[in-house]
Amino acid sequence: MFHCNLCEKETVYLSKFCDKCRRIKHYLNLYDERVYIILDSVLSRDNQKQDNKIKLEINNEIQNLRNKQIKRGSEVD
């Protein structure tokens, strides 16, 4: 019986990471440096400011996706 290498709380049997920490590792593999940037910019705030920053970031992502769709749509026409 071992503890998760990341959180050091959860018990693991066949892997180094518990399910929650494995998800974090997966995000790190997918998004690399962006994960650290987001953690630093969001979690270093109080709860209300965290919520505001999350909403702002989500709105920015939505706008970026819309801009990409518009560009793709105009290329087709």
PDB file of N, CA and C in Angstrom:
ATOM      1  N   MET A   1       0.849  -1.176   0.000  1.00  0.00           N
ATOM      2  CA  MET A   1       0.000   0.000   0.000  1.00  0.00           C
ATOM      3  C   MET A   1       0.897   1.242   0.000  1.00  0.00           C
ATOM      4  N   PHE A   2       0.639   2.149  -0.945  1.00  0.00           N
ATOM      5  CA  PHE A   2       1.448   3.350  -1.111  1.00  0.00           C
ATOM      6  C   PHE A   2       0.547   4.573  -1.161  1.00  0.00           C
ATOM      7  N   HIS A   3       1.146   5.728  -0.962  1.00  0.00           N
ATOM      8  CA  HIS A   3       0.416   6.983  -1.105  1.00  0.00           C
ATOM      9  C   HIS A   3       0.748   7.617  -2.451  1.00  0.00           C
ATOM     10  N   CYS A   4      -0.198   8.373  -2.949  1.00  0.00           N
ATOM     11  CA  CYS A   4      -0.020   9.099  -4.206  1.00  0.00           C
ATOM     12  C   CYS A   4       1.238   9.963  -4.114  1.00  0.00           C
ATOM     13  N   ASN A   5       2.032   9.972  -5.178  1.00  0.00           N
ATOM     14  CA  ASN A   5       3.272  10.759  -5.193  1.00  0.00           C
ATOM     15  C   ASN A   5       3.025  12.263  -5.213  1.00  0.00           C
ATOM     16  N   LEU A   6       1.872  12.679  -5.690  1.00  0.00           N
ATOM     17  CA  LEU A   6       1.609  14.112  -5.783  1.00  0.00           C
ATOM     18  C   LEU A   6       0.919  14.643  -4.529  1.00  0.00           C
ATOM     19  N   CYS A   7      -0.252  14.158  -4.209  1.00  0.00           N
ATOM     20  CA  CYS A   7      -0.989  14.689  -3.055  1.00  0.00           C
ATOM     21  C   CYS A   7      -0.534  14.089  -1.736  1.00  0.00           C
ATOM     22  N   GLU A   8       0.055  12.912  -1.794  1.00  0.00           N
ATOM     23  CA  GLU A   8       0.555  12.200  -0.619  1.00  0.00           C
ATOM     24  C   GLU A   8      -0.529  11.912   0.413  1.00  0.00           C
ATOM     25  N   LYS A   9      -1.788  11.847  -0.030  1.00  0.00           N
ATOM     26  CA  LYS A   9      -2.912  11.576   0.867  1.00  0.00           C
ATOM     27  C   LYS A   9      -3.645  10.301   0.483  1.00  0.00           C
ATOM     28  N   GLU A  10      -3.942  10.178  -0.798  1.00  0.00           N
ATOM     29  CA  GLU A  10      -4.729   9.049  -1.285  1.00  0.00           C
ATOM     30  C   GLU A  10      -3.869   7.790  -1.369  1.00  0.00           C
ATOM     31  N   THR A  11      -4.488   6.669  -1.110  1.00  0.00           N
ATOM     32  CA  THR A  11      -3.806   5.387  -1.218  1.00  0.00           C
ATOM     33  C   THR A  11      -3.906   4.886  -2.652  1.00  0.00           C
ATOM     34  N   VAL A  12      -2.799   4.424  -3.177  1.00  0.00           N
ATOM     35  CA  VAL A  12      -2.774   3.861  -4.539  1.00  0.00           C
ATOM     36  C   VAL A  12      -2.171   2.470  -4.477  1.00  0.00           C
ATOM     37  N   TYR A  13      -2.554   1.638  -5.430  1.00  0.00           N
ATOM     38  CA  TYR A  13      -2.069   0.258  -5.425  1.00  0.00           C
ATOM     39  C   TYR A  13      -1.205  -0.067  -6.643  1.00  0.00           C
ATOM     40  N   LEU A  14      -1.642   0.366  -7.810  1.00  0.00           N
ATOM     41  CA  LEU A  14      -0.941  -0.029  -9.031  1.00  0.00           C
ATOM     42  C   LEU A  14      -0.323   1.137  -9.789  1.00  0.00           C
ATOM     43  N   SER A  15      -0.452   2.347  -9.285  1.00  0.00           N
ATOM     44  CA  SER A  15       0.098   3.488  -9.998  1.00  0.00           C
ATOM     45  C   SER A  15       0.766   4.436  -9.016  1.00  0.00           C
ATOM     46  N   LYS A  16       1.384   5.469  -9.551  1.00  0.00           N
ATOM     47  CA  LYS A  16       2.046   6.457  -8.701  1.00  0.00           C
ATOM     48  C   LYS A  16       1.094   7.545  -8.237  1.00  0.00           C
ATOM     49  N   PHE A  17      -0.020   7.740  -9.002  1.00  0.00           N
ATOM     50  CA  PHE A  17      -0.924   8.843  -8.732  1.00  0.00           C
ATOM     51  C   PHE A  17      -2.350   8.346  -8.495  1.00  0.00           C
ATOM     52  N   CYS A  18      -3.070   9.044  -7.626  1.00  0.00           N
ATOM     53  CA  CYS A  18      -4.487   8.752  -7.441  1.00  0.00           C
ATOM     54  C   CYS A  18      -5.247   9.316  -8.651  1.00  0.00           C
ATOM     55  N   ASP A  19      -6.537   9.056  -8.742  1.00  0.00           N
ATOM     56  CA  ASP A  19      -7.329   9.486  -9.904  1.00  0.00           C
ATOM     57  C   ASP A  19      -7.308  11.001 -10.102  1.00  0.00           C
ATOM     58  N   LYS A  20      -7.462  11.754  -9.023  1.00  0.00           N
ATOM     59  CA  LYS A  20      -7.476  13.223  -9.141  1.00  0.00           C
ATOM     60  C   LYS A  20      -6.120  13.750  -9.607  1.00  0.00           C
ATOM     61  N   CYS A  21      -5.067  13.232  -9.047  1.00  0.00           N
ATOM     62  CA  CYS A  21      -3.734  13.698  -9.424  1.00  0.00           C
ATOM     63  C   CYS A  21      -3.357  13.238 -10.834  1.00  0.00           C
ATOM     64  N   ARG A  22      -3.865  12.082 -11.245  1.00  0.00           N
ATOM     65  CA  ARG A  22      -3.634  11.624 -12.605  1.00  0.00           C
ATOM     66  C   ARG A  22      -4.259  12.599 -13.602  1.00  0.00           C
ATOM     67  N   ARG A  23      -5.423  13.153 -13.229  1.00  0.00           N
ATOM     68  CA  ARG A  23      -6.054  14.173 -14.083  1.00  0.00           C
ATOM     69  C   ARG A  23      -5.163  15.404 -14.200  1.00  0.00           C
ATOM     70  N   ILE A  24      -4.583  15.827 -13.085  1.00  0.00           N
ATOM     71  CA  ILE A  24      -3.668  16.976 -13.113  1.00  0.00           C
ATOM     72  C   ILE A  24      -2.477  16.668 -14.011  1.00  0.00           C
ATOM     73  N   LYS A  25      -1.931  15.489 -13.887  1.00  0.00           N
ATOM     74  CA  LYS A  25      -0.798  15.095 -14.727  1.00  0.00           C
ATOM     75  C   LYS A  25      -1.193  15.095 -16.207  1.00  0.00           C
ATOM     76  N   HIS A  26      -2.394  14.642 -16.486  1.00  0.00           N
ATOM     77  CA  HIS A  26      -2.891  14.640 -17.864  1.00  0.00           C
ATOM     78  C   HIS A  26      -2.969  16.081 -18.408  1.00  0.00           C
ATOM     79  N   TYR A  27      -3.489  17.002 -17.592  1.00  0.00           N
ATOM     80  CA  TYR A  27      -3.543  18.407 -18.014  1.00  0.00           C
ATOM     81  C   TYR A  27      -2.147  18.961 -18.263  1.00  0.00           C
ATOM     82  N   LEU A  28      -1.202  18.598 -17.426  1.00  0.00           N
ATOM     83  CA  LEU A  28       0.175  19.047 -17.631  1.00  0.00           C
ATOM     84  C   LEU A  28       0.732  18.513 -18.946  1.00  0.00           C
ATOM     85  N   ASN A  29       0.425  17.266 -19.259  1.00  0.00           N
ATOM     86  CA  ASN A  29       0.895  16.688 -20.522  1.00  0.00           C
ATOM     87  C   ASN A  29       0.254  17.373 -21.717  1.00  0.00           C
ATOM     88  N   LEU A  30      -1.006  17.733 -21.591  1.00  0.00           N
ATOM     89  CA  LEU A  30      -1.719  18.364 -22.706  1.00  0.00           C
ATOM     90  C   LEU A  30      -1.343  19.831 -22.900  1.00  0.00           C
ATOM     91  N   TYR A  31      -1.299  20.581 -21.802  1.00  0.00           N
ATOM     92  CA  TYR A  31      -1.190  22.037 -21.892  1.00  0.00           C
ATOM     93  C   TYR A  31       0.132  22.601 -21.416  1.00  0.00           C
ATOM     94  N   ASP A  32       0.993  21.773 -20.885  1.00  0.00           N
ATOM     95  CA  ASP A  32       2.349  22.136 -20.490  1.00  0.00           C
ATOM     96  C   ASP A  32       2.400  23.435 -19.684  1.00  0.00           C
ATOM     97  N   GLU A  33       3.113  24.410 -20.136  1.00  0.00           N
ATOM     98  CA  GLU A  33       3.373  25.645 -19.395  1.00  0.00           C
ATOM     99  C   GLU A  33       2.092  26.431 -19.105  1.00  0.00           C
ATOM    100  N   ARG A  34       1.084  26.284 -19.944  1.00  0.00           N
ATOM    101  CA  ARG A  34      -0.185  27.003 -19.748  1.00  0.00           C
ATOM    102  C   ARG A  34      -0.825  26.647 -18.404  1.00  0.00           C
ATOM    103  N   VAL A  35      -0.672  25.419 -17.944  1.00  0.00           N
ATOM    104  CA  VAL A  35      -1.222  24.999 -16.646  1.00  0.00           C
ATOM    105  C   VAL A  35      -0.609  25.841 -15.532  1.00  0.00           C
ATOM    106  N   TYR A  36       0.689  26.029 -15.552  1.00  0.00           N
ATOM    107  CA  TYR A  36       1.355  26.818 -14.517  1.00  0.00           C
ATOM    108  C   TYR A  36       0.938  28.280 -14.573  1.00  0.00           C
ATOM    109  N   ILE A  37       0.816  28.798 -15.772  1.00  0.00           N
ATOM    110  CA  ILE A  37       0.395  30.199 -15.938  1.00  0.00           C
ATOM    111  C   ILE A  37      -1.004  30.399 -15.362  1.00  0.00           C
ATOM    112  N   ILE A  38      -1.908  29.488 -15.676  1.00  0.00           N
ATOM    113  CA  ILE A  38      -3.283  29.595 -15.186  1.00  0.00           C
ATOM    114  C   ILE A  38      -3.322  29.433 -13.669  1.00  0.00           C
ATOM    115  N   LEU A  39      -2.618  28.451 -13.142  1.00  0.00           N
ATOM    116  CA  LEU A  39      -2.597  28.270 -11.689  1.00  0.00           C
ATOM    117  C   LEU A  39      -2.059  29.511 -10.978  1.00  0.00           C
ATOM    118  N   ASP A  40      -0.983  30.071 -11.483  1.00  0.00           N
ATOM    119  CA  ASP A  40      -0.409  31.268 -10.867  1.00  0.00           C
ATOM    120  C   ASP A  40      -1.340  32.469 -10.975  1.00  0.00           C
ATOM    121  N   SER A  41      -1.970  32.638 -12.129  1.00  0.00           N
ATOM    122  CA  SER A  41      -2.796  33.830 -12.336  1.00  0.00           C
ATOM    123  C   SER A  41      -4.155  33.727 -11.667  1.00  0.00           C
ATOM    124  N   VAL A  42      -4.658  32.522 -11.443  1.00  0.00           N
ATOM    125  CA  VAL A  42      -5.988  32.365 -10.859  1.00  0.00           C
ATOM    126  C   VAL A  42      -5.926  32.069  -9.367  1.00  0.00           C
ATOM    127  N   LEU A  43      -5.137  31.101  -8.970  1.00  0.00           N
ATOM    128  CA  LEU A  43      -5.166  30.646  -7.583  1.00  0.00           C
ATOM    129  C   LEU A  43      -4.428  31.549  -6.609  1.00  0.00           C
ATOM    130  N   SER A  44      -3.708  32.518  -7.099  1.00  0.00           N
ATOM    131  CA  SER A  44      -3.021  33.439  -6.198  1.00  0.00           C
ATOM    132  C   SER A  44      -3.928  34.606  -5.804  1.00  0.00           C
ATOM    133  N   ARG A  45      -5.232  34.428  -5.957  1.00  0.00           N
ATOM    134  CA  ARG A  45      -6.221  35.457  -5.650  1.00  0.00           C
ATOM    135  C   ARG A  45      -7.188  34.940  -4.588  1.00  0.00           C
ATOM    136  N   ASP A  46      -7.946  35.873  -3.967  1.00  0.00           N
ATOM    137  CA  ASP A  46      -8.981  35.421  -3.037  1.00  0.00           C
ATOM    138  C   ASP A  46     -10.139  34.805  -3.832  1.00  0.00           C
ATOM    139  N   ASN A  47     -11.086  34.190  -3.149  1.00  0.00           N
ATOM    140  CA  ASN A  47     -12.147  33.425  -3.832  1.00  0.00           C
ATOM    141  C   ASN A  47     -12.951  34.257  -4.819  1.00  0.00           C
ATOM    142  N   GLN A  48     -13.334  35.467  -4.449  1.00  0.00           N
ATOM    143  CA  GLN A  48     -14.126  36.298  -5.361  1.00  0.00           C
ATOM    144  C   GLN A  48     -13.315  36.676  -6.593  1.00  0.00           C
ATOM    145  N   LYS A  49     -12.075  37.036  -6.399  1.00  0.00           N
ATOM    146  CA  LYS A  49     -11.221  37.392  -7.535  1.00  0.00           C
ATOM    147  C   LYS A  49     -10.934  36.162  -8.396  1.00  0.00           C
ATOM    148  N   GLN A  50     -10.844  34.981  -7.774  1.00  0.00           N
ATOM    149  CA  GLN A  50     -10.675  33.750  -8.549  1.00  0.00           C
ATOM    150  C   GLN A  50     -11.869  33.537  -9.464  1.00  0.00           C
ATOM    151  N   ASP A  51     -13.080  33.685  -8.926  1.00  0.00           N
ATOM    152  CA  ASP A  51     -14.292  33.512  -9.730  1.00  0.00           C
ATOM    153  C   ASP A  51     -14.341  34.502 -10.880  1.00  0.00           C
ATOM    154  N   ASN A  52     -13.987  35.760 -10.605  1.00  0.00           N
ATOM    155  CA  ASN A  52     -13.971  36.775 -11.663  1.00  0.00           C
ATOM    156  C   ASN A  52     -12.951  36.431 -12.751  1.00  0.00           C
ATOM    157  N   LYS A  53     -11.768  35.996 -12.333  1.00  0.00           N
ATOM    158  CA  LYS A  53     -10.713  35.647 -13.290  1.00  0.00           C
ATOM    159  C   LYS A  53     -11.121  34.440 -14.133  1.00  0.00           C
ATOM    160  N   ILE A  54     -11.750  33.455 -13.503  1.00  0.00           N
ATOM    161  CA  ILE A  54     -12.210  32.279 -14.238  1.00  0.00           C
ATOM    162  C   ILE A  54     -13.220  32.696 -15.302  1.00  0.00           C
ATOM    163  N   LYS A  55     -14.181  33.528 -14.940  1.00  0.00           N
ATOM    164  CA  LYS A  55     -15.187  34.005 -15.905  1.00  0.00           C
ATOM    165  C   LYS A  55     -14.522  34.765 -17.046  1.00  0.00           C
ATOM    166  N   LEU A  56     -13.562  35.614 -16.710  1.00  0.00           N
ATOM    167  CA  LEU A  56     -12.854  36.378 -17.731  1.00  0.00           C
ATOM    168  C   LEU A  56     -12.105  35.452 -18.684  1.00  0.00           C
ATOM    169  N   GLU A  57     -11.396  34.473 -18.134  1.00  0.00           N
ATOM    170  CA  GLU A  57     -10.638  33.534 -18.968  1.00  0.00           C
ATOM    171  C   GLU A  57     -11.571  32.706 -19.848  1.00  0.00           C
ATOM    172  N   ILE A  58     -12.693  32.261 -19.302  1.00  0.00           N
ATOM    173  CA  ILE A  58     -13.651  31.481 -20.093  1.00  0.00           C
ATOM    174  C   ILE A  58     -14.201  32.335 -21.224  1.00  0.00           C
ATOM    175  N   ASN A  59     -14.545  33.580 -20.932  1.00  0.00           N
ATOM    176  CA  ASN A  59     -15.052  34.469 -21.980  1.00  0.00           C
ATOM    177  C   ASN A  59     -13.994  34.710 -23.057  1.00  0.00           C
ATOM    178  N   ASN A  60     -12.744  34.844 -22.661  1.00  0.00           N
ATOM    179  CA  ASN A  60     -11.664  35.011 -23.647  1.00  0.00           C
ATOM    180  C   ASN A  60     -11.532  33.776 -24.531  1.00  0.00           C
ATOM    181  N   GLU A  61     -11.617  32.589 -23.927  1.00  0.00           N
ATOM    182  CA  GLU A  61     -11.530  31.342 -24.702  1.00  0.00           C
ATOM    183  C   GLU A  61     -12.695  31.234 -25.681  1.00  0.00           C
ATOM    184  N   ILE A  62     -13.896  31.577 -25.228  1.00  0.00           N
ATOM    185  CA  ILE A  62     -15.081  31.535 -26.099  1.00  0.00           C
ATOM    186  C   ILE A  62     -14.895  32.499 -27.266  1.00  0.00           C
ATOM    187  N   GLN A  63     -14.421  33.704 -26.981  1.00  0.00           N
ATOM    188  CA  GLN A  63     -14.205  34.695 -28.045  1.00  0.00           C
ATOM    189  C   GLN A  63     -13.156  34.208 -29.038  1.00  0.00           C
ATOM    190  N   ASN A  64     -12.078  33.594 -28.550  1.00  0.00           N
ATOM    191  CA  ASN A  64     -11.047  33.058 -29.444  1.00  0.00           C
ATOM    192  C   ASN A  64     -11.614  31.964 -30.341  1.00  0.00           C
ATOM    193  N   LEU A  65     -12.437  31.093 -29.772  1.00  0.00           N
ATOM    194  CA  LEU A  65     -13.063  30.030 -30.572  1.00  0.00           C
ATOM    195  C   LEU A  65     -13.997  30.618 -31.624  1.00  0.00           C
ATOM    196  N   ARG A  66     -14.760  31.630 -31.248  1.00  0.00           N
ATOM    197  CA  ARG A  66     -15.666  32.283 -32.215  1.00  0.00           C
ATOM    198  C   ARG A  66     -14.866  32.928 -33.349  1.00  0.00           C
ATOM    199  N   ASN A  67     -13.754  33.576 -32.998  1.00  0.00           N
ATOM    200  CA  ASN A  67     -12.920  34.209 -34.022  1.00  0.00           C
ATOM    201  C   ASN A  67     -12.357  33.169 -34.986  1.00  0.00           C
ATOM    202  N   LYS A  68     -11.956  32.009 -34.465  1.00  0.00           N
ATOM    203  CA  LYS A  68     -11.452  30.941 -35.329  1.00  0.00           C
ATOM    204  C   LYS A  68     -12.544  30.430 -36.245  1.00  0.00           C
ATOM    205  N   GLN A  69     -13.772  30.299 -35.721  1.00  0.00           N
ATOM    206  CA  GLN A  69     -14.890  29.831 -36.540  1.00  0.00           C
ATOM    207  C   GLN A  69     -15.215  30.828 -37.637  1.00  0.00           C
ATOM    208  N   ILE A  70     -15.171  32.118 -37.314  1.00  0.00           N
ATOM    209  CA  ILE A  70     -15.443  33.149 -38.318  1.00  0.00           C
ATOM    210  C   ILE A  70     -14.391  33.093 -39.408  1.00  0.00           C
ATOM    211  N   LYS A  71     -13.106  32.942 -39.032  1.00  0.00           N
ATOM    212  CA  LYS A  71     -12.035  32.864 -40.017  1.00  0.00           C
ATOM    213  C   LYS A  71     -12.213  31.658 -40.916  1.00  0.00           C
ATOM    214  N   ARG A  72     -12.553  30.515 -40.315  1.00  0.00           N
ATOM    215  CA  ARG A  72     -12.766  29.313 -41.127  1.00  0.00           C
ATOM    216  C   ARG A  72     -13.974  29.475 -42.036  1.00  0.00           C
ATOM    217  N   GLY A  73     -15.010  30.104 -41.539  1.00  0.00           N
ATOM    218  CA  GLY A  73     -16.212  30.320 -42.339  1.00  0.00           C
ATOM    219  C   GLY A  73     -15.952  31.250 -43.510  1.00  0.00           C
ATOM    220  N   SER A  74     -15.119  32.272 -43.317  1.00  0.00           N
ATOM    221  CA  SER A  74     -14.827  33.203 -44.403  1.00  0.00           C
ATOM    222  C   SER A  74     -13.893  32.586 -45.428  1.00  0.00           C
ATOM    223  N   GLU A  75     -13.050  31.640 -45.024  1.00  0.00           N
ATOM    224  CA  GLU A  75     -12.155  30.981 -45.970  1.00  0.00           C
ATOM    225  C   GLU A  75     -12.934  30.069 -46.920  1.00  0.00           C
ATOM    226  N   VAL A  76     -14.041  29.504 -46.418  1.00  0.00           N
ATOM    227  CA  VAL A  76     -14.836  28.598 -47.224  1.00  0.00           C
ATOM    228  C   VAL A  76     -15.600  29.359 -48.287  1.00  0.00           C
ATOM    229  N   ASP A  77     -16.095  30.555 -47.935  1.00  0.00           N
ATOM    230  CA  ASP A  77     -16.910  31.338 -48.887  1.00  0.00           C
ATOM    231  C   ASP A  77     -16.149  31.843 -50.052  1.00  0.00           C
TER     232      ASP A  77
END
